[in-house]
Amino acid sequence: MSTIRVDNFGPSAGGTTYSARGIAKAWVNFNGTGTIAARDSENVSSLVDLQTGFTEVNVSSAFAAVDYTGSAFSASGTVFSNYFEGLFFCKNTGTYFTLSHWQGTFSDLAFVGSSVFGDLA
């Protein structure tokens, strides 16, 4: 297999140039109720249901340091705008992070997702 290495990239016809550093290095969309299961993901090896409202997301390729950042979304039904308050992203190590959702109490939700940005090891 060949590897292409670039620092920046953009469309061949011109336009905005992007830095490879700005690309999500891991992301996941999963069902957080019952037996949790990923709908789709990139660089995610497994999900662990820690307790009600808490999910550990393990990454396949570790981050270089714990200075990465992420964002998250959640919803209890098919309308994603209902329950954004109280979703927390916590970076734990370079190999996993934790998502938790607070809605008066910690709760499991049908739609949970996160994208994570940083340099891989």
PDB file of N, CA and C in Angstrom:
ATOM      1  N   MET A   1       0.844  -1.177   0.000  1.00  0.00           N
ATOM      2  CA  MET A   1       0.000   0.000   0.000  1.00  0.00           C
ATOM      3  C   MET A   1       0.889   1.239   0.000  1.00  0.00           C
ATOM      4  N   SER A   2       0.499   2.243  -0.729  1.00  0.00           N
ATOM      5  CA  SER A   2       1.230   3.509  -0.814  1.00  0.00           C
ATOM      6  C   SER A   2       0.641   4.529   0.141  1.00  0.00           C
ATOM      7  N   THR A   3       1.463   5.449   0.549  1.00  0.00           N
ATOM      8  CA  THR A   3       1.030   6.530   1.429  1.00  0.00           C
ATOM      9  C   THR A   3       1.300   7.856   0.741  1.00  0.00           C
ATOM     10  N   ILE A   4       0.289   8.708   0.718  1.00  0.00           N
ATOM     11  CA  ILE A   4       0.438  10.067   0.191  1.00  0.00           C
ATOM     12  C   ILE A   4       0.523  10.996   1.390  1.00  0.00           C
ATOM     13  N   ARG A   5       1.550  11.800   1.453  1.00  0.00           N
ATOM     14  CA  ARG A   5       1.726  12.711   2.578  1.00  0.00           C
ATOM     15  C   ARG A   5       1.617  14.155   2.085  1.00  0.00           C
ATOM     16  N   VAL A   6       0.725  14.921   2.707  1.00  0.00           N
ATOM     17  CA  VAL A   6       0.541  16.327   2.357  1.00  0.00           C
ATOM     18  C   VAL A   6       0.310  17.136   3.622  1.00  0.00           C
ATOM     19  N   ASP A   7       0.636  18.406   3.569  1.00  0.00           N
ATOM     20  CA  ASP A   7       0.351  19.297   4.685  1.00  0.00           C
ATOM     21  C   ASP A   7      -0.939  20.069   4.447  1.00  0.00           C
ATOM     22  N   ASN A   8      -1.209  20.373   3.177  1.00  0.00           N
ATOM     23  CA  ASN A   8      -2.408  21.113   2.806  1.00  0.00           C
ATOM     24  C   ASN A   8      -2.989  20.507   1.537  1.00  0.00           C
ATOM     25  N   PHE A   9      -4.271  20.683   1.326  1.00  0.00           N
ATOM     26  CA  PHE A   9      -4.907  20.188   0.111  1.00  0.00           C
ATOM     27  C   PHE A   9      -6.078  21.095  -0.237  1.00  0.00           C
ATOM     28  N   GLY A  10      -6.532  21.011  -1.469  1.00  0.00           N
ATOM     29  CA  GLY A  10      -7.651  21.828  -1.917  1.00  0.00           C
ATOM     30  C   GLY A  10      -8.131  21.339  -3.264  1.00  0.00           C
ATOM     31  N   PRO A  11      -9.217  21.917  -3.761  1.00  0.00           N
ATOM     32  CA  PRO A  11      -9.752  21.495  -5.061  1.00  0.00           C
ATOM     33  C   PRO A  11      -8.800  21.863  -6.198  1.00  0.00           C
ATOM     34  N   SER A  12      -8.756  21.043  -7.244  1.00  0.00           N
ATOM     35  CA  SER A  12      -7.847  21.280  -8.365  1.00  0.00           C
ATOM     36  C   SER A  12      -8.186  22.556  -9.131  1.00  0.00           C
ATOM     37  N   ALA A  13      -9.449  23.013  -9.079  1.00  0.00           N
ATOM     38  CA  ALA A  13      -9.868  24.209  -9.805  1.00  0.00           C
ATOM     39  C   ALA A  13      -9.654  25.483  -8.996  1.00  0.00           C
ATOM     40  N   GLY A  14      -8.951  25.387  -7.887  1.00  0.00           N
ATOM     41  CA  GLY A  14      -8.750  26.561  -7.046  1.00  0.00           C
ATOM     42  C   GLY A  14      -9.778  26.608  -5.935  1.00  0.00           C
ATOM     43  N   GLY A  15      -9.759  27.635  -5.177  1.00  0.00           N
ATOM     44  CA  GLY A  15     -10.683  27.749  -4.059  1.00  0.00           C
ATOM     45  C   GLY A  15      -9.937  27.608  -2.738  1.00  0.00           C
ATOM     46  N   THR A  16     -10.664  27.256  -1.708  1.00  0.00           N
ATOM     47  CA  THR A  16     -10.107  27.185  -0.361  1.00  0.00           C
ATOM     48  C   THR A  16      -9.123  26.029  -0.222  1.00  0.00           C
ATOM     49  N   THR A  17      -7.998  26.304   0.404  1.00  0.00           N
ATOM     50  CA  THR A  17      -7.012  25.281   0.746  1.00  0.00           C
ATOM     51  C   THR A  17      -7.229  24.898   2.206  1.00  0.00           C
ATOM     52  N   TYR A  18      -7.155  23.614   2.500  1.00  0.00           N
ATOM     53  CA  TYR A  18      -7.408  23.108   3.841  1.00  0.00           C
ATOM     54  C   TYR A  18      -6.142  22.493   4.419  1.00  0.00           C
ATOM     55  N   SER A  19      -5.995  22.582   5.709  1.00  0.00           N
ATOM     56  CA  SER A  19      -4.889  21.936   6.402  1.00  0.00           C
ATOM     57  C   SER A  19      -5.318  20.541   6.822  1.00  0.00           C
ATOM     58  N   ALA A  20      -4.439  19.564   6.662  1.00  0.00           N
ATOM     59  CA  ALA A  20      -4.739  18.202   7.097  1.00  0.00           C
ATOM     60  C   ALA A  20      -4.959  18.152   8.606  1.00  0.00           C
ATOM     61  N   ARG A  21      -4.467  19.131   9.328  1.00  0.00           N
ATOM     62  CA  ARG A  21      -4.651  19.167  10.784  1.00  0.00           C
ATOM     63  C   ARG A  21      -6.106  19.445  11.168  1.00  0.00           C
ATOM     64  N   GLY A  22      -6.906  19.989  10.274  1.00  0.00           N
ATOM     65  CA  GLY A  22      -8.277  20.348  10.599  1.00  0.00           C
ATOM     66  C   GLY A  22      -9.311  19.267  10.345  1.00  0.00           C
ATOM     67  N   ILE A  23      -8.872  18.075   9.981  1.00  0.00           N
ATOM     68  CA  ILE A  23      -9.789  16.983   9.659  1.00  0.00           C
ATOM     69  C   ILE A  23     -10.080  16.173  10.917  1.00  0.00           C
ATOM     70  N   ALA A  24     -11.338  15.749  11.097  1.00  0.00           N
ATOM     71  CA  ALA A  24     -11.677  14.888  12.232  1.00  0.00           C
ATOM     72  C   ALA A  24     -10.868  13.602  12.141  1.00  0.00           C
ATOM     73  N   LYS A  25     -10.234  13.222  13.236  1.00  0.00           N
ATOM     74  CA  LYS A  25      -9.418  12.010  13.257  1.00  0.00           C
ATOM     75  C   LYS A  25     -10.197  10.812  13.795  1.00  0.00           C
ATOM     76  N   ALA A  26     -11.350  11.067  14.373  1.00  0.00           N
ATOM     77  CA  ALA A  26     -12.250   9.995  14.827  1.00  0.00           C
ATOM     78  C   ALA A  26     -13.652  10.572  14.910  1.00  0.00           C
ATOM     79  N   TRP A  27     -14.648   9.759  14.589  1.00  0.00           N
ATOM     80  CA  TRP A  27     -16.038  10.178  14.757  1.00  0.00           C
ATOM     81  C   TRP A  27     -16.910   8.938  14.893  1.00  0.00           C
ATOM     82  N   VAL A  28     -18.063   9.118  15.530  1.00  0.00           N
ATOM     83  CA  VAL A  28     -18.983   7.996  15.723  1.00  0.00           C
ATOM     84  C   VAL A  28     -20.416   8.514  15.830  1.00  0.00           C
ATOM     85  N   ASN A  29     -21.347   7.734  15.320  1.00  0.00           N
ATOM     86  CA  ASN A  29     -22.784   7.951  15.470  1.00  0.00           C
ATOM     87  C   ASN A  29     -23.321   6.628  15.995  1.00  0.00           C
ATOM     88  N   PHE A  30     -23.947   6.627  17.187  1.00  0.00           N
ATOM     89  CA  PHE A  30     -24.389   5.356  17.760  1.00  0.00           C
ATOM     90  C   PHE A  30     -25.719   5.453  18.494  1.00  0.00           C
ATOM     91  N   ASN A  31     -26.343   4.287  18.672  1.00  0.00           N
ATOM     92  CA  ASN A  31     -27.556   4.132  19.458  1.00  0.00           C
ATOM     93  C   ASN A  31     -27.109   3.925  20.896  1.00  0.00           C
ATOM     94  N   GLY A  32     -27.466   4.835  21.779  1.00  0.00           N
ATOM     95  CA  GLY A  32     -27.041   4.758  23.166  1.00  0.00           C
ATOM     96  C   GLY A  32     -28.041   4.109  24.094  1.00  0.00           C
ATOM     97  N   THR A  33     -29.089   3.476  23.563  1.00  0.00           N
ATOM     98  CA  THR A  33     -30.085   2.810  24.401  1.00  0.00           C
ATOM     99  C   THR A  33     -29.967   1.295  24.255  1.00  0.00           C
ATOM    100  N   GLY A  34     -30.367   0.569  25.296  1.00  0.00           N
ATOM    101  CA  GLY A  34     -30.291  -0.896  25.248  1.00  0.00           C
ATOM    102  C   GLY A  34     -28.858  -1.339  25.053  1.00  0.00           C
ATOM    103  N   THR A  35     -28.655  -2.268  24.130  1.00  0.00           N
ATOM    104  CA  THR A  35     -27.293  -2.683  23.774  1.00  0.00           C
ATOM    105  C   THR A  35     -26.744  -1.653  22.797  1.00  0.00           C
ATOM    106  N   ILE A  36     -25.799  -0.841  23.250  1.00  0.00           N
ATOM    107  CA  ILE A  36     -25.291   0.241  22.403  1.00  0.00           C
ATOM    108  C   ILE A  36     -24.603  -0.328  21.167  1.00  0.00           C
ATOM    109  N   ALA A  37     -24.764   0.378  20.060  1.00  0.00           N
ATOM    110  CA  ALA A  37     -24.180  -0.084  18.800  1.00  0.00           C
ATOM    111  C   ALA A  37     -23.911   1.105  17.896  1.00  0.00           C
ATOM    112  N   ALA A  38     -22.742   1.093  17.263  1.00  0.00           N
ATOM    113  CA  ALA A  38     -22.388   2.156  16.327  1.00  0.00           C
ATOM    114  C   ALA A  38     -23.169   2.005  15.035  1.00  0.00           C
ATOM    115  N   ARG A  39     -23.740   3.103  14.560  1.00  0.00           N
ATOM    116  CA  ARG A  39     -24.369   3.124  13.239  1.00  0.00           C
ATOM    117  C   ARG A  39     -23.291   3.273  12.167  1.00  0.00           C
ATOM    118  N   ASP A  40     -22.311   4.137  12.445  1.00  0.00           N
ATOM    119  CA  ASP A  40     -21.205   4.365  11.534  1.00  0.00           C
ATOM    120  C   ASP A  40     -20.099   5.044  12.335  1.00  0.00           C
ATOM    121  N   SER A  41     -18.862   4.875  11.896  1.00  0.00           N
ATOM    122  CA  SER A  41     -17.747   5.471  12.639  1.00  0.00           C
ATOM    123  C   SER A  41     -16.485   5.463  11.792  1.00  0.00           C
ATOM    124  N   GLU A  42     -15.498   6.184  12.272  1.00  0.00           N
ATOM    125  CA  GLU A  42     -14.159   6.189  11.680  1.00  0.00           C
ATOM    126  C   GLU A  42     -13.165   6.257  12.829  1.00  0.00           C
ATOM    127  N   ASN A  43     -12.178   5.378  12.819  1.00  0.00           N
ATOM    128  CA  ASN A  43     -11.142   5.298  13.851  1.00  0.00           C
ATOM    129  C   ASN A  43     -11.741   5.025  15.230  1.00  0.00           C
ATOM    130  N   VAL A  44     -12.827   4.277  15.292  1.00  0.00           N
ATOM    131  CA  VAL A  44     -13.421   3.864  16.565  1.00  0.00           C
ATOM    132  C   VAL A  44     -13.405   2.345  16.605  1.00  0.00           C
ATOM    133  N   SER A  45     -12.771   1.782  17.644  1.00  0.00           N
ATOM    134  CA  SER A  45     -12.658   0.327  17.741  1.00  0.00           C
ATOM    135  C   SER A  45     -13.795  -0.301  18.526  1.00  0.00           C
ATOM    136  N   SER A  46     -14.319   0.410  19.535  1.00  0.00           N
ATOM    137  CA  SER A  46     -15.411  -0.158  20.328  1.00  0.00           C
ATOM    138  C   SER A  46     -16.080   0.911  21.177  1.00  0.00           C
ATOM    139  N   LEU A  47     -17.273   0.575  21.646  1.00  0.00           N
ATOM    140  CA  LEU A  47     -18.040   1.412  22.569  1.00  0.00           C
ATOM    141  C   LEU A  47     -18.272   0.600  23.836  1.00  0.00           C
ATOM    142  N   VAL A  48     -18.170   1.249  24.995  1.00  0.00           N
ATOM    143  CA  VAL A  48     -18.401   0.572  26.266  1.00  0.00           C
ATOM    144  C   VAL A  48     -19.482   1.337  27.015  1.00  0.00           C
ATOM    145  N   ASP A  49     -20.568   0.648  27.374  1.00  0.00           N
ATOM    146  CA  ASP A  49     -21.651   1.238  28.155  1.00  0.00           C
ATOM    147  C   ASP A  49     -21.217   1.216  29.615  1.00  0.00           C
ATOM    148  N   LEU A  50     -20.735   2.347  30.131  1.00  0.00           N
ATOM    149  CA  LEU A  50     -20.198   2.408  31.487  1.00  0.00           C
ATOM    150  C   LEU A  50     -21.295   2.361  32.545  1.00  0.00           C
ATOM    151  N   GLN A  51     -22.351   3.114  32.312  1.00  0.00           N
ATOM    152  CA  GLN A  51     -23.530   3.160  33.178  1.00  0.00           C
ATOM    153  C   GLN A  51     -24.531   4.055  32.481  1.00  0.00           C
ATOM    154  N   THR A  52     -25.713   4.211  33.034  1.00  0.00           N
ATOM    155  CA  THR A  52     -26.720   5.045  32.405  1.00  0.00           C
ATOM    156  C   THR A  52     -26.169   6.444  32.150  1.00  0.00           C
ATOM    157  N   GLY A  53     -26.202   6.852  30.876  1.00  0.00           N
ATOM    158  CA  GLY A  53     -25.763   8.187  30.494  1.00  0.00           C
ATOM    159  C   GLY A  53     -24.283   8.344  30.243  1.00  0.00           C
ATOM    160  N   PHE A  54     -23.490   7.279  30.361  1.00  0.00           N
ATOM    161  CA  PHE A  54     -22.040   7.355  30.173  1.00  0.00           C
ATOM    162  C   PHE A  54     -21.573   6.298  29.187  1.00  0.00           C
ATOM    163  N   THR A  55     -20.861   6.730  28.146  1.00  0.00           N
ATOM    164  CA  THR A  55     -20.318   5.806  27.149  1.00  0.00           C
ATOM    165  C   THR A  55     -18.846   6.102  26.936  1.00  0.00           C
ATOM    166  N   GLU A  56     -18.032   5.064  26.956  1.00  0.00           N
ATOM    167  CA  GLU A  56     -16.613   5.183  26.629  1.00  0.00           C
ATOM    168  C   GLU A  56     -16.440   4.843  25.163  1.00  0.00           C
ATOM    169  N   VAL A  57     -15.738   5.697  24.435  1.00  0.00           N
ATOM    170  CA  VAL A  57     -15.466   5.479  23.017  1.00  0.00           C
ATOM    171  C   VAL A  57     -13.971   5.209  22.869  1.00  0.00           C
ATOM    172  N   ASN A  58     -13.625   3.991  22.449  1.00  0.00           N
ATOM    173  CA  ASN A  58     -12.231   3.602  22.251  1.00  0.00           C
ATOM    174  C   ASN A  58     -11.847   3.839  20.798  1.00  0.00           C
ATOM    175  N   VAL A  59     -10.669   4.419  20.586  1.00  0.00           N
ATOM    176  CA  VAL A  59     -10.218   4.712  19.227  1.00  0.00           C
ATOM    177  C   VAL A  59      -9.233   3.640  18.753  1.00  0.00           C
ATOM    178  N   SER A  60      -9.233   3.391  17.451  1.00  0.00           N
ATOM    179  CA  SER A  60      -8.341   2.396  16.848  1.00  0.00           C
ATOM    180  C   SER A  60      -6.902   2.880  16.813  1.00  0.00           C
ATOM    181  N   SER A  61      -6.705   4.121  16.375  1.00  0.00           N
ATOM    182  CA  SER A  61      -5.379   4.740  16.337  1.00  0.00           C
ATOM    183  C   SER A  61      -5.352   5.846  17.377  1.00  0.00           C
ATOM    184  N   ALA A  62      -4.434   5.740  18.319  1.00  0.00           N
ATOM    185  CA  ALA A  62      -4.368   6.665  19.453  1.00  0.00           C
ATOM    186  C   ALA A  62      -4.002   8.081  19.022  1.00  0.00           C
ATOM    187  N   PHE A  63      -4.421   9.038  19.830  1.00  0.00           N
ATOM    188  CA  PHE A  63      -4.020  10.428  19.647  1.00  0.00           C
ATOM    189  C   PHE A  63      -2.621  10.616  20.219  1.00  0.00           C
ATOM    190  N   ALA A  64      -1.873  11.558  19.649  1.00  0.00           N
ATOM    191  CA  ALA A  64      -0.486  11.788  20.052  1.00  0.00           C
ATOM    192  C   ALA A  64      -0.387  12.301  21.489  1.00  0.00           C
ATOM    193  N   ALA A  65      -1.372  13.047  21.926  1.00  0.00           N
ATOM    194  CA  ALA A  65      -1.378  13.625  23.267  1.00  0.00           C
ATOM    195  C   ALA A  65      -2.830  13.820  23.693  1.00  0.00           C
ATOM    196  N   VAL A  66      -3.031  14.191  24.951  1.00  0.00           N
ATOM    197  CA  VAL A  66      -4.391  14.416  25.431  1.00  0.00           C
ATOM    198  C   VAL A  66      -4.867  15.838  25.153  1.00  0.00           C
ATOM    199  N   ASP A  67      -4.185  16.541  24.271  1.00  0.00           N
ATOM    200  CA  ASP A  67      -4.561  17.908  23.926  1.00  0.00           C
ATOM    201  C   ASP A  67      -5.533  17.969  22.749  1.00  0.00           C
ATOM    202  N   TYR A  68      -6.221  16.862  22.441  1.00  0.00           N
ATOM    203  CA  TYR A  68      -7.197  16.867  21.364  1.00  0.00           C
ATOM    204  C   TYR A  68      -8.510  17.473  21.858  1.00  0.00           C
ATOM    205  N   THR A  69      -9.423  17.714  20.945  1.00  0.00           N
ATOM    206  CA  THR A  69     -10.708  18.286  21.321  1.00  0.00           C
ATOM    207  C   THR A  69     -11.817  17.588  20.555  1.00  0.00           C
ATOM    208  N   GLY A  70     -13.039  17.770  20.992  1.00  0.00           N
ATOM    209  CA  GLY A  70     -14.146  17.118  20.313  1.00  0.00           C
ATOM    210  C   GLY A  70     -15.451  17.858  20.497  1.00  0.00           C
ATOM    211  N   SER A  71     -16.439  17.430  19.749  1.00  0.00           N
ATOM    212  CA  SER A  71     -17.777  17.966  19.877  1.00  0.00           C
ATOM    213  C   SER A  71     -18.734  16.782  19.878  1.00  0.00           C
ATOM    214  N   ALA A  72     -19.952  17.002  20.348  1.00  0.00           N
ATOM    215  CA  ALA A  72     -20.892  15.894  20.466  1.00  0.00           C
ATOM    216  C   ALA A  72     -22.314  16.364  20.221  1.00  0.00           C
ATOM    217  N   PHE A  73     -23.189  15.420  19.865  1.00  0.00           N
ATOM    218  CA  PHE A  73     -24.616  15.702  19.708  1.00  0.00           C
ATOM    219  C   PHE A  73     -25.408  14.554  20.309  1.00  0.00           C
ATOM    220  N   SER A  74     -26.676  14.811  20.607  1.00  0.00           N
ATOM    221  CA  SER A  74     -27.547  13.747  21.107  1.00  0.00           C
ATOM    222  C   SER A  74     -29.002  14.104  20.856  1.00  0.00           C
ATOM    223  N   ALA A  75     -29.843  13.087  20.841  1.00  0.00           N
ATOM    224  CA  ALA A  75     -31.286  13.269  20.707  1.00  0.00           C
ATOM    225  C   ALA A  75     -31.978  12.023  21.223  1.00  0.00           C
ATOM    226  N   SER A  76     -33.144  12.202  21.803  1.00  0.00           N
ATOM    227  CA  SER A  76     -33.874  11.045  22.321  1.00  0.00           C
ATOM    228  C   SER A  76     -34.760  10.419  21.256  1.00  0.00           C
ATOM    229  N   GLY A  77     -35.084  11.164  20.219  1.00  0.00           N
ATOM    230  CA  GLY A  77     -35.932  10.661  19.142  1.00  0.00           C
ATOM    231  C   GLY A  77     -35.329  11.018  17.807  1.00  0.00           C
ATOM    232  N   THR A  78     -36.154  11.197  16.819  1.00  0.00           N
ATOM    233  CA  THR A  78     -35.643  11.497  15.487  1.00  0.00           C
ATOM    234  C   THR A  78     -35.424  12.982  15.247  1.00  0.00           C
ATOM    235  N   VAL A  79     -35.811  13.835  16.205  1.00  0.00           N
ATOM    236  CA  VAL A  79     -35.614  15.274  16.064  1.00  0.00           C
ATOM    237  C   VAL A  79     -34.365  15.662  16.848  1.00  0.00           C
ATOM    238  N   PHE A  80     -33.278  15.984  16.144  1.00  0.00           N
ATOM    239  CA  PHE A  80     -32.000  16.223  16.789  1.00  0.00           C
ATOM    240  C   PHE A  80     -31.954  17.516  17.590  1.00  0.00           C
ATOM    241  N   SER A  81     -32.891  18.412  17.420  1.00  0.00           N
ATOM    242  CA  SER A  81     -32.829  19.689  18.127  1.00  0.00           C
ATOM    243  C   SER A  81     -33.410  19.608  19.537  1.00  0.00           C
ATOM    244  N   ASN A  82     -33.936  18.465  19.952  1.00  0.00           N
ATOM    245  CA  ASN A  82     -34.623  18.390  21.235  1.00  0.00           C
ATOM    246  C   ASN A  82     -33.718  18.385  22.459  1.00  0.00           C
ATOM    247  N   TYR A  83     -32.619  17.659  22.446  1.00  0.00           N
ATOM    248  CA  TYR A  83     -31.889  17.412  23.681  1.00  0.00           C
ATOM    249  C   TYR A  83     -30.392  17.628  23.546  1.00  0.00           C
ATOM    250  N   PHE A  84     -29.997  18.834  23.241  1.00  0.00           N
ATOM    251  CA  PHE A  84     -28.572  19.118  23.162  1.00  0.00           C
ATOM    252  C   PHE A  84     -27.986  19.504  24.507  1.00  0.00           C
ATOM    253  N   GLU A  85     -28.800  20.011  25.430  1.00  0.00           N
ATOM    254  CA  GLU A  85     -28.234  20.473  26.691  1.00  0.00           C
ATOM    255  C   GLU A  85     -27.693  19.299  27.497  1.00  0.00           C
ATOM    256  N   GLY A  86     -26.579  19.524  28.136  1.00  0.00           N
ATOM    257  CA  GLY A  86     -26.053  18.525  29.061  1.00  0.00           C
ATOM    258  C   GLY A  86     -25.282  17.383  28.439  1.00  0.00           C
ATOM    259  N   LEU A  87     -24.871  17.483  27.178  1.00  0.00           N
ATOM    260  CA  LEU A  87     -24.039  16.429  26.609  1.00  0.00           C
ATOM    261  C   LEU A  87     -22.594  16.855  26.795  1.00  0.00           C
ATOM    262  N   PHE A  88     -21.822  16.019  27.434  1.00  0.00           N
ATOM    263  CA  PHE A  88     -20.453  16.379  27.773  1.00  0.00           C
ATOM    264  C   PHE A  88     -19.462  15.463  27.077  1.00  0.00           C
ATOM    265  N   PHE A  89     -18.412  16.066  26.551  1.00  0.00           N
ATOM    266  CA  PHE A  89     -17.304  15.346  25.939  1.00  0.00           C
ATOM    267  C   PHE A  89     -16.136  15.463  26.897  1.00  0.00           C
ATOM    268  N   CYS A  90     -15.552  14.355  27.295  1.00  0.00           N
ATOM    269  CA  CYS A  90     -14.424  14.381  28.225  1.00  0.00           C
ATOM    270  C   CYS A  90     -13.279  13.573  27.650  1.00  0.00           C
ATOM    271  N   LYS A  91     -12.152  14.216  27.406  1.00  0.00           N
ATOM    272  CA  LYS A  91     -10.987  13.486  26.920  1.00  0.00           C
ATOM    273  C   LYS A  91     -10.308  12.829  28.114  1.00  0.00           C
ATOM    274  N   ASN A  92     -10.102  11.533  28.017  1.00  0.00           N
ATOM    275  CA  ASN A  92      -9.520  10.800  29.126  1.00  0.00           C
ATOM    276  C   ASN A  92      -8.053  10.461  28.884  1.00  0.00           C
ATOM    277  N   THR A  93      -7.785   9.818  27.776  1.00  0.00           N
ATOM    278  CA  THR A  93      -6.416   9.479  27.400  1.00  0.00           C
ATOM    279  C   THR A  93      -6.326   9.618  25.896  1.00  0.00           C
ATOM    280  N   GLY A  94      -5.211   9.251  25.329  1.00  0.00           N
ATOM    281  CA  GLY A  94      -5.079   9.276  23.882  1.00  0.00           C
ATOM    282  C   GLY A  94      -5.780   8.117  23.203  1.00  0.00           C
ATOM    283  N   THR A  95      -6.275   7.143  23.995  1.00  0.00           N
ATOM    284  CA  THR A  95      -6.888   5.954  23.403  1.00  0.00           C
ATOM    285  C   THR A  95      -8.395   5.867  23.577  1.00  0.00           C
ATOM    286  N   TYR A  96      -8.972   6.702  24.408  1.00  0.00           N
ATOM    287  CA  TYR A  96     -10.433   6.720  24.552  1.00  0.00           C
ATOM    288  C   TYR A  96     -10.914   8.049  25.117  1.00  0.00           C
ATOM    289  N   PHE A  97     -12.216   8.323  24.907  1.00  0.00           N
ATOM    290  CA  PHE A  97     -12.859   9.479  25.514  1.00  0.00           C
ATOM    291  C   PHE A  97     -14.233   9.052  25.979  1.00  0.00           C
ATOM    292  N   THR A  98     -14.849   9.860  26.824  1.00  0.00           N
ATOM    293  CA  THR A  98     -16.141   9.521  27.406  1.00  0.00           C
ATOM    294  C   THR A  98     -17.179  10.559  27.008  1.00  0.00           C
ATOM    295  N   LEU A  99     -18.380  10.094  26.674  1.00  0.00           N
ATOM    296  CA  LEU A  99     -19.518  10.965  26.419  1.00  0.00           C
ATOM    297  C   LEU A  99     -20.531  10.725  27.529  1.00  0.00           C
ATOM    298  N   SER A 100     -21.110  11.783  28.055  1.00  0.00           N
ATOM    299  CA  SER A 100     -22.162  11.632  29.057  1.00  0.00           C
ATOM    300  C   SER A 100     -23.278  12.620  28.752  1.00  0.00           C
ATOM    301  N   HIS A 101     -24.507  12.239  29.100  1.00  0.00           N
ATOM    302  CA  HIS A 101     -25.655  13.092  28.831  1.00  0.00           C
ATOM    303  C   HIS A 101     -26.466  13.313  30.099  1.00  0.00           C
ATOM    304  N   TRP A 102     -26.692  14.572  30.421  1.00  0.00           N
ATOM    305  CA  TRP A 102     -27.446  14.977  31.599  1.00  0.00           C
ATOM    306  C   TRP A 102     -28.715  15.679  31.155  1.00  0.00           C
ATOM    307  N   GLN A 103     -29.843  15.176  31.604  1.00  0.00           N
ATOM    308  CA  GLN A 103     -31.131  15.775  31.276  1.00  0.00           C
ATOM    309  C   GLN A 103     -31.986  15.759  32.545  1.00  0.00           C
ATOM    310  N   GLY A 104     -31.499  16.417  33.592  1.00  0.00           N
ATOM    311  CA  GLY A 104     -32.129  16.336  34.904  1.00  0.00           C
ATOM    312  C   GLY A 104     -31.576  15.147  35.680  1.00  0.00           C
ATOM    313  N   THR A 105     -31.312  14.073  34.985  1.00  0.00           N
ATOM    314  CA  THR A 105     -30.589  12.899  35.473  1.00  0.00           C
ATOM    315  C   THR A 105     -29.755  12.395  34.298  1.00  0.00           C
ATOM    316  N   PHE A 106     -28.799  11.544  34.572  1.00  0.00           N
ATOM    317  CA  PHE A 106     -28.053  10.955  33.471  1.00  0.00           C
ATOM    318  C   PHE A 106     -28.972   9.996  32.738  1.00  0.00           C
ATOM    319  N   SER A 107     -28.950  10.045  31.402  1.00  0.00           N
ATOM    320  CA  SER A 107     -29.872   9.228  30.618  1.00  0.00           C
ATOM    321  C   SER A 107     -29.234   8.733  29.331  1.00  0.00           C
ATOM    322  N   ASP A 108     -29.687   7.549  28.898  1.00  0.00           N
ATOM    323  CA  ASP A 108     -29.265   6.985  27.619  1.00  0.00           C
ATOM    324  C   ASP A 108     -30.174   7.533  26.532  1.00  0.00           C
ATOM    325  N   LEU A 109     -29.616   7.825  25.361  1.00  0.00           N
ATOM    326  CA  LEU A 109     -30.406   8.394  24.278  1.00  0.00           C
ATOM    327  C   LEU A 109     -30.232   7.578  23.003  1.00  0.00           C
ATOM    328  N   ALA A 110     -31.228   7.662  22.126  1.00  0.00           N
ATOM    329  CA  ALA A 110     -31.236   6.877  20.887  1.00  0.00           C
ATOM    330  C   ALA A 110     -30.192   7.342  19.877  1.00  0.00           C
ATOM    331  N   PHE A 111     -29.876   8.615  19.872  1.00  0.00           N
ATOM    332  CA  PHE A 111     -28.910   9.152  18.917  1.00  0.00           C
ATOM    333  C   PHE A 111     -27.819   9.911  19.667  1.00  0.00           C
ATOM    334  N   VAL A 112     -26.597   9.422  19.568  1.00  0.00           N
ATOM    335  CA  VAL A 112     -25.448  10.073  20.187  1.00  0.00           C
ATOM    336  C   VAL A 112     -24.318  10.060  19.176  1.00  0.00           C
ATOM    337  N   GLY A 113     -23.558  11.132  19.123  1.00  0.00           N
ATOM    338  CA  GLY A 113     -22.440  11.162  18.204  1.00  0.00           C
ATOM    339  C   GLY A 113     -21.373  12.127  18.643  1.00  0.00           C
ATOM    340  N   SER A 114     -20.190  11.947  18.096  1.00  0.00           N
ATOM    341  CA  SER A 114     -19.084  12.820  18.428  1.00  0.00           C
ATOM    342  C   SER A 114     -18.077  12.816  17.294  1.00  0.00           C
ATOM    343  N   SER A 115     -17.405  13.942  17.107  1.00  0.00           N
ATOM    344  CA  SER A 115     -16.270  14.024  16.197  1.00  0.00           C
ATOM    345  C   SER A 115     -15.103  14.575  16.994  1.00  0.00           C
ATOM    346  N   VAL A 116     -13.901  14.057  16.714  1.00  0.00           N
ATOM    347  CA  VAL A 116     -12.741  14.386  17.531  1.00  0.00           C
ATOM    348  C   VAL A 116     -11.608  14.870  16.620  1.00  0.00           C
ATOM    349  N   PHE A 117     -10.934  15.911  17.055  1.00  0.00           N
ATOM    350  CA  PHE A 117      -9.879  16.553  16.273  1.00  0.00           C
ATOM    351  C   PHE A 117      -8.582  16.587  17.069  1.00  0.00           C
ATOM    352  N   GLY A 118      -7.480  16.281  16.419  1.00  0.00           N
ATOM    353  CA  GLY A 118      -6.163  16.315  17.032  1.00  0.00           C
ATOM    354  C   GLY A 118      -5.204  15.489  16.214  1.00  0.00           C
ATOM    355  N   ASP A 119      -3.944  15.483  16.594  1.00  0.00           N
ATOM    356  CA  ASP A 119      -2.945  14.702  15.866  1.00  0.00           C
ATOM    357  C   ASP A 119      -2.905  13.274  16.386  1.00  0.00           C
ATOM    358  N   LEU A 120      -2.817  12.317  15.467  1.00  0.00           N
ATOM    359  CA  LEU A 120      -2.691  10.915  15.854  1.00  0.00           C
ATOM    360  C   LEU A 120      -1.236  10.600  16.161  1.00  0.00           C
ATOM    361  N   ALA A 121      -1.045   9.594  16.989  1.00  0.00           N
ATOM    362  CA  ALA A 121       0.316   9.172  17.379  1.00  0.00           C
ATOM    363  C   ALA A 121       1.074   8.635  16.191  1.00  0.00           C
TER     364      ALA A 121
END
